[in-house]
Amino acid sequence: MLPAETAIASGASSDRMLISAARAVTLKLANQREAAVPHAPVLIRGGEPFQLSEARAVADPALDLKHPLKGPYKAEALEWREIAEAALELARIAGILPAFLVNPEDAGEAVPVAASDLADWSDRSQLSIATRAHLPVAACDTAEIVAFRSADDTREHVALIIGEQRGDVVPLVRLHSECLTGDILGSLKCDCGPQLDAALAAMAEIANEGGWGALLYLRQEGRGIGLVNKLRAYRLQDQGFDTVEANERLGLPDEARDFPTAARMLELLGARTIRLMTNNPKKVAALEAAGITVNERVPHQLPDNPHNARYLATKRDKSGHLL
């Protein structure tokens, strides 16, 4: 298989494509028996081989308005579902569109995919502390930064420790997923930047009272779909879709963040019981499922603005956030 984005660059073609079930729905294929199973990968065939323009139009829903007439396509039986599921998940992890040309011509040497590839990548036991150092920050000039690295993952996560880390005090913890647009560029489309600043300020206040906090900065942009796919979702939002709808049209989950990695970071810090600053009950459940005790959920609510009001309402109404 070859990712559709790579195929577009290489000029390869194929008579079959692998896409997600969510993308199959937008292509009106869900009434076909082979495409009717929710969340299952879907193998499709066209009347002619998928060439440059058609492969891209199938893979990228941001082009739907430009290419409204596609197909017809037929969904075919998929006898290698586990491999297909692994391929689509690995595409998400890589931050590319979950669409592949199958057995493409003129694509160079084939690279096999096995279901075990995903399991090997997801082994959090390999995550360890790489180094730590003092890092004065605006919220607390005695803060310490701890860097985490895994042998099989290029992403480097960090934790910022605010206050004196003590085993007899339950820390206030915030899981903050990387957001280039909000944290660095000051985007008003989300509340990530203000949430980051407010969390650090709350931890500094607790530190002044003898407690401590840990902000885990996780390298999982766009709720786990990657920067480029997040911006693709933004483009769909410009067309009127909300955040959940945009991700679905891309064939990507609304929530793809890796909270077990955060649990492993907390274990390495010796913080197995925490107070979690979040409005998202799924974070609490995910950490507890990974062995972390959350003895209190601390609300983390900030005012909206005209640009992110719909985004926050969607998190509340569709993603179960407690705002």
Protein backbone atom coordinates (compact mmCIF):
# COMPACT_ATOMS: atom_id res chain seq x y z
CA MET A 1 0.00 0.00 0.00
CA LEU A 2 1.01 3.60 -0.57
CA PRO A 3 -0.41 6.62 1.30
CA ALA A 4 -2.57 8.65 -1.04
CA GLU A 5 -0.57 11.78 -0.27
CA THR A 6 2.66 10.05 -1.31
CA ALA A 7 0.96 8.58 -4.36
CA ILE A 8 -0.10 12.03 -5.41
CA ALA A 9 3.52 13.17 -5.37
CA SER A 10 4.89 10.06 -7.09
CA GLY A 11 2.32 9.75 -9.87
CA ALA A 12 1.44 6.17 -8.94
CA SER A 13 -1.98 4.76 -9.78
CA SER A 14 -4.15 1.87 -8.63
CA ASP A 15 -7.57 0.41 -9.26
CA ARG A 16 -8.29 0.18 -5.52
CA MET A 17 -8.14 2.55 -2.55
CA LEU A 18 -8.38 1.96 1.19
CA ILE A 19 -10.34 4.64 3.06
CA SER A 20 -11.98 5.04 6.46
CA ALA A 21 -15.63 4.29 7.17
CA ALA A 22 -16.27 7.96 7.97
CA ARG A 23 -14.93 8.98 4.57
CA ALA A 24 -17.00 6.23 2.93
CA VAL A 25 -20.12 7.79 4.46
CA THR A 26 -19.37 11.17 2.87
CA LEU A 27 -18.87 9.38 -0.47
CA LYS A 28 -22.37 7.83 -0.10
CA LEU A 29 -21.07 4.27 0.12
CA ALA A 30 -22.52 3.31 3.51
CA ASN A 31 -25.55 1.68 1.89
CA GLN A 32 -23.27 -0.94 0.33
CA ARG A 33 -22.86 -4.11 2.37
CA GLU A 34 -19.05 -4.02 2.43
CA ALA A 35 -19.06 -0.40 3.63
CA ALA A 36 -21.90 -0.62 6.14
CA VAL A 37 -19.88 -1.62 9.22
CA PRO A 38 -19.25 1.49 11.36
CA HIS A 39 -15.58 2.41 11.93
CA ALA A 40 -14.32 -0.43 9.72
CA PRO A 41 -11.81 0.36 6.93
CA VAL A 42 -13.35 0.29 3.48
CA LEU A 43 -11.75 -0.98 0.26
CA ILE A 44 -13.15 0.70 -2.85
CA ARG A 45 -12.73 0.18 -6.58
CA GLY A 46 -13.48 2.62 -9.36
CA GLY A 47 -14.39 2.04 -12.96
CA GLU A 48 -10.96 3.34 -13.95
CA PRO A 49 -7.68 3.31 -12.00
CA PHE A 50 -7.30 6.11 -9.46
CA GLN A 51 -5.05 8.74 -11.00
CA LEU A 52 -3.62 11.96 -9.59
CA SER A 53 -6.70 14.18 -9.44
CA GLU A 54 -9.21 11.51 -8.43
CA ALA A 55 -7.04 9.99 -5.72
CA ARG A 56 -6.58 13.38 -4.11
CA ALA A 57 -10.29 14.21 -4.35
CA VAL A 58 -11.17 10.92 -2.67
CA ALA A 59 -8.58 11.40 0.09
CA ASP A 60 -9.13 15.08 0.92
CA PRO A 61 -12.69 16.23 1.75
CA ALA A 62 -11.63 19.85 1.57
CA LEU A 63 -11.81 19.33 -2.21
CA ASP A 64 -15.41 18.06 -2.18
CA LEU A 65 -16.85 21.39 -3.30
CA LYS A 66 -14.34 21.57 -6.14
CA HIS A 67 -14.97 17.94 -7.15
CA PRO A 68 -18.62 17.27 -6.26
CA LEU A 69 -19.08 14.43 -8.75
CA LYS A 70 -16.93 11.42 -7.90
CA GLY A 71 -17.32 7.76 -8.67
CA PRO A 72 -19.26 5.63 -8.89
CA TYR A 73 -17.27 3.42 -6.53
CA LYS A 74 -17.91 -0.10 -5.34
CA ALA A 75 -16.97 -1.28 -1.87
CA GLU A 76 -15.28 -4.67 -1.96
CA ALA A 77 -14.79 -7.43 0.61
CA LEU A 78 -11.75 -6.81 2.78
CA GLU A 79 -9.98 -10.00 3.88
CA TRP A 80 -7.10 -8.24 5.67
CA ARG A 81 -9.04 -6.00 8.03
CA GLU A 82 -6.51 -5.99 10.91
CA ILE A 83 -3.75 -4.88 8.57
CA ALA A 84 -6.03 -2.21 7.10
CA GLU A 85 -6.94 -0.93 10.56
CA ALA A 86 -3.27 -0.73 11.49
CA ALA A 87 -2.46 1.14 8.28
CA LEU A 88 -5.17 3.75 8.87
CA GLU A 89 -4.10 4.23 12.49
CA LEU A 90 -0.44 4.57 11.51
CA ALA A 91 -1.47 7.18 8.96
CA ARG A 92 -3.18 9.16 11.73
CA ILE A 93 -0.12 8.89 13.94
CA ALA A 94 2.02 10.14 11.04
CA GLY A 95 -0.35 13.10 10.56
CA ILE A 96 -1.37 12.20 7.01
CA LEU A 97 -4.77 11.51 5.50
CA PRO A 98 -6.08 7.98 6.19
CA ALA A 99 -6.27 6.91 2.55
CA PHE A 100 -4.07 4.45 0.65
CA LEU A 101 -3.64 3.20 -2.88
CA VAL A 102 -3.56 -0.61 -2.76
CA ASN A 103 -0.96 -2.47 -4.82
CA PRO A 104 -0.11 0.70 -6.75
CA GLU A 105 1.81 0.67 -10.02
CA ASP A 106 4.98 2.75 -10.48
CA ALA A 107 5.23 3.39 -6.73
CA GLY A 108 8.70 1.98 -6.12
CA GLU A 109 9.54 -0.73 -3.62
CA ALA A 110 6.60 -1.90 -1.53
CA VAL A 111 6.73 -1.60 2.26
CA PRO A 112 4.63 -4.27 4.01
CA VAL A 113 2.34 -3.35 6.92
CA ALA A 114 1.54 -5.77 9.74
CA ALA A 115 -1.03 -5.46 12.51
CA SER A 116 1.80 -5.99 15.00
CA ASP A 117 3.45 -2.73 13.85
CA LEU A 118 0.83 -0.73 15.73
CA ALA A 119 1.17 -2.79 18.91
CA ASP A 120 4.94 -2.36 18.87
CA TRP A 121 4.62 1.41 18.48
CA SER A 122 2.08 1.63 21.32
CA ASP A 123 4.35 0.04 23.94
CA ARG A 124 4.51 2.86 26.52
CA SER A 125 6.93 0.93 28.75
CA GLN A 126 9.77 2.22 26.57
CA LEU A 127 9.03 5.81 27.59
CA SER A 128 11.58 7.07 30.12
CA ILE A 129 12.91 10.30 31.59
CA ALA A 130 15.67 11.62 29.33
CA THR A 131 16.77 14.61 31.41
CA ARG A 132 15.55 17.30 33.78
CA ALA A 133 16.64 20.84 34.59
CA HIS A 134 15.54 24.01 36.33
CA LEU A 135 13.53 26.30 34.04
CA PRO A 136 12.39 29.68 35.38
CA VAL A 137 9.07 30.60 33.71
CA ALA A 138 6.79 33.58 34.06
CA ALA A 139 4.42 31.73 36.38
CA CYS A 140 7.17 30.36 38.66
CA ASP A 141 10.88 31.13 38.58
CA THR A 142 11.76 27.92 40.45
CA ALA A 143 10.05 25.56 37.99
CA GLU A 144 11.69 22.36 36.77
CA ILE A 145 11.28 20.81 33.33
CA VAL A 146 11.42 17.05 32.78
CA ALA A 147 11.84 15.60 29.29
CA PHE A 148 10.55 12.15 28.28
CA ARG A 149 11.66 10.08 25.31
CA SER A 150 10.88 6.66 23.84
CA ALA A 151 13.23 4.65 21.64
CA ASP A 152 10.55 4.10 18.99
CA ASP A 153 8.91 7.55 18.91
CA THR A 154 10.39 10.83 17.70
CA ARG A 155 7.97 12.90 19.80
CA GLU A 156 9.48 14.26 23.00
CA HIS A 157 6.98 15.05 25.76
CA VAL A 158 7.78 17.29 28.72
CA ALA A 159 6.44 17.98 32.20
CA LEU A 160 6.78 21.30 33.97
CA ILE A 161 6.95 20.90 37.74
CA ILE A 162 5.69 23.91 39.70
CA GLY A 163 6.57 23.94 43.40
CA GLU A 164 8.49 21.40 45.48
CA GLN A 165 7.69 17.88 44.36
CA ARG A 166 6.68 15.90 47.45
CA GLY A 167 5.39 12.36 47.71
CA ASP A 168 3.08 13.16 50.63
CA VAL A 169 1.19 15.88 48.72
CA VAL A 170 -1.29 15.11 45.93
CA PRO A 171 -0.31 17.30 42.96
CA LEU A 172 -2.54 19.38 40.74
CA VAL A 173 -2.06 18.03 37.20
CA ARG A 174 -2.99 19.41 33.81
CA LEU A 175 -2.66 17.39 30.59
CA HIS A 176 -2.05 19.94 27.85
CA SER A 177 -1.82 18.74 24.27
CA GLU A 178 0.44 20.71 21.98
CA CYS A 179 -1.31 23.47 20.02
CA LEU A 180 0.97 25.51 17.77
CA THR A 181 -1.79 27.86 16.66
CA GLY A 182 -3.15 28.51 20.15
CA ASP A 183 -0.08 28.23 22.39
CA ILE A 184 2.39 30.06 20.14
CA LEU A 185 0.45 32.11 17.59
CA GLY A 186 -2.38 33.22 19.89
CA SER A 187 -5.20 31.73 17.81
CA LEU A 188 -8.70 32.74 18.89
CA LYS A 189 -10.28 29.64 17.30
CA CYS A 190 -9.58 27.57 20.42
CA ASP A 191 -8.95 28.16 24.13
CA CYS A 192 -5.61 26.34 24.35
CA GLY A 193 -3.34 29.32 24.99
CA PRO A 194 -5.47 30.77 27.81
CA GLN A 195 -5.92 27.29 29.29
CA LEU A 196 -2.14 26.80 29.39
CA ASP A 197 -1.52 30.15 31.08
CA ALA A 198 -4.37 29.68 33.57
CA ALA A 199 -3.19 26.19 34.53
CA LEU A 200 0.34 27.41 35.26
CA ALA A 201 -1.02 30.34 37.28
CA ALA A 202 -3.20 27.98 39.36
CA MET A 203 -0.24 25.69 40.04
CA ALA A 204 1.92 28.64 41.07
CA GLU A 205 -0.75 29.71 43.54
CA ILE A 206 -0.87 26.21 45.01
CA ALA A 207 2.93 26.12 45.21
CA ASN A 208 2.88 29.31 47.27
CA GLU A 209 0.66 27.45 49.74
CA GLY A 210 3.04 24.49 50.03
CA GLY A 211 1.60 22.28 47.31
CA TRP A 212 2.88 21.45 43.85
CA GLY A 213 1.64 20.90 40.33
CA ALA A 214 2.70 19.24 37.11
CA LEU A 215 1.78 20.40 33.63
CA LEU A 216 2.27 17.60 31.11
CA TYR A 217 2.88 19.05 27.65
CA LEU A 218 2.01 16.26 25.22
CA ARG A 219 3.17 16.27 21.61
CA GLN A 220 -0.15 15.38 20.02
CA GLU A 221 -1.25 18.34 17.95
CA GLY A 222 -4.86 18.70 16.89
CA ARG A 223 -6.23 16.28 19.52
CA GLY A 224 -3.95 13.63 18.03
CA ILE A 225 -4.50 14.11 14.28
CA GLY A 226 -1.42 16.26 13.61
CA LEU A 227 -0.88 19.87 12.57
CA VAL A 228 -1.56 19.53 8.84
CA ASN A 229 -4.75 17.53 9.37
CA LYS A 230 -5.86 20.05 12.01
CA LEU A 231 -5.47 22.83 9.46
CA ARG A 232 -7.38 20.72 6.93
CA ALA A 233 -10.15 20.52 9.53
CA TYR A 234 -9.97 24.31 9.90
CA ARG A 235 -10.50 24.61 6.16
CA LEU A 236 -13.62 22.47 6.43
CA GLN A 237 -14.80 24.61 9.33
CA ASP A 238 -14.52 27.59 7.00
CA GLN A 239 -17.08 25.77 4.85
CA GLY A 240 -19.51 25.57 7.78
CA PHE A 241 -18.73 22.24 9.49
CA ASP A 242 -18.13 22.10 13.23
CA THR A 243 -15.00 20.50 14.69
CA VAL A 244 -16.48 17.02 15.05
CA GLU A 245 -18.02 17.06 11.57
CA ALA A 246 -14.76 18.27 10.03
CA ASN A 247 -12.78 15.41 11.58
CA GLU A 248 -15.39 12.89 10.47
CA ARG A 249 -15.22 14.12 6.89
CA LEU A 250 -11.45 13.73 7.00
CA GLY A 251 -11.98 10.14 8.14
CA LEU A 252 -10.33 10.91 11.46
CA PRO A 253 -11.56 10.54 15.05
CA ASP A 254 -12.64 13.58 17.05
CA GLU A 255 -10.53 12.30 19.95
CA ALA A 256 -7.25 10.57 19.13
CA ARG A 257 -5.02 11.68 21.97
CA ASP A 258 -2.76 9.20 23.75
CA PHE A 259 -3.63 9.52 27.44
CA PRO A 260 -1.83 6.27 28.46
CA THR A 261 1.41 8.08 27.59
CA ALA A 262 0.43 10.77 30.10
CA ALA A 263 -0.22 8.04 32.67
CA ARG A 264 3.26 6.61 32.06
CA MET A 265 4.77 10.09 32.54
CA LEU A 266 2.96 10.45 35.85
CA GLU A 267 4.21 7.03 36.98
CA LEU A 268 7.79 8.06 36.16
CA LEU A 269 7.27 11.23 38.21
CA GLY A 270 5.98 9.16 41.13
CA ALA A 271 2.54 10.78 40.93
CA ARG A 272 0.09 7.88 40.96
CA THR A 273 -2.63 9.87 42.77
CA ILE A 274 -3.52 13.29 41.41
CA ARG A 275 -5.99 16.12 41.26
CA LEU A 276 -6.76 16.59 37.57
CA MET A 277 -7.52 20.01 36.12
CA THR A 278 -9.94 19.30 33.26
CA ASN A 279 -13.48 19.70 31.95
CA ASN A 280 -13.21 16.42 30.03
CA PRO A 281 -14.50 13.31 31.90
CA LYS A 282 -12.84 11.11 29.25
CA LYS A 283 -9.42 12.23 30.48
CA VAL A 284 -10.32 11.12 33.99
CA ALA A 285 -11.56 7.74 32.75
CA ALA A 286 -8.51 7.20 30.52
CA LEU A 287 -6.01 7.93 33.29
CA GLU A 288 -7.86 5.74 35.78
CA ALA A 289 -7.98 2.91 33.23
CA ALA A 290 -4.18 3.23 32.95
CA GLY A 291 -3.68 2.93 36.71
CA ILE A 292 -3.68 6.56 37.87
CA THR A 293 -5.99 7.51 40.74
CA VAL A 294 -7.84 10.79 40.17
CA ASN A 295 -9.22 11.79 43.54
CA GLU A 296 -10.60 15.12 42.33
CA ARG A 297 -11.56 16.71 39.03
CA VAL A 298 -10.77 20.43 39.18
CA PRO A 299 -12.86 22.47 36.68
CA HIS A 300 -10.88 24.54 34.19
CA GLN A 301 -13.34 26.94 32.59
CA LEU A 302 -12.42 30.12 30.74
CA PRO A 303 -14.58 32.70 28.95
CA ASP A 304 -15.26 32.24 25.24
CA ASN A 305 -14.83 34.76 22.45
CA PRO A 306 -16.71 35.30 19.15
CA HIS A 307 -14.24 33.06 17.31
CA ASN A 308 -14.30 30.01 19.59
CA ALA A 309 -17.85 30.06 21.00
CA ARG A 310 -19.04 27.40 18.53
CA TYR A 311 -15.94 25.30 19.17
CA LEU A 312 -16.58 25.30 22.92
CA ALA A 313 -20.26 24.56 22.43
CA THR A 314 -19.37 21.58 20.21
CA LYS A 315 -17.01 20.23 22.87
CA ARG A 316 -19.88 20.48 25.35
CA ASP A 317 -22.68 19.13 23.16
CA LYS A 318 -20.85 16.48 21.11
CA SER A 319 -17.71 15.57 23.06
CA GLY A 320 -19.16 15.54 26.58
CA HIS A 321 -17.06 18.33 28.07
CA LEU A 322 -18.37 19.89 31.26
CA LEU A 323 -18.21 23.62 30.51
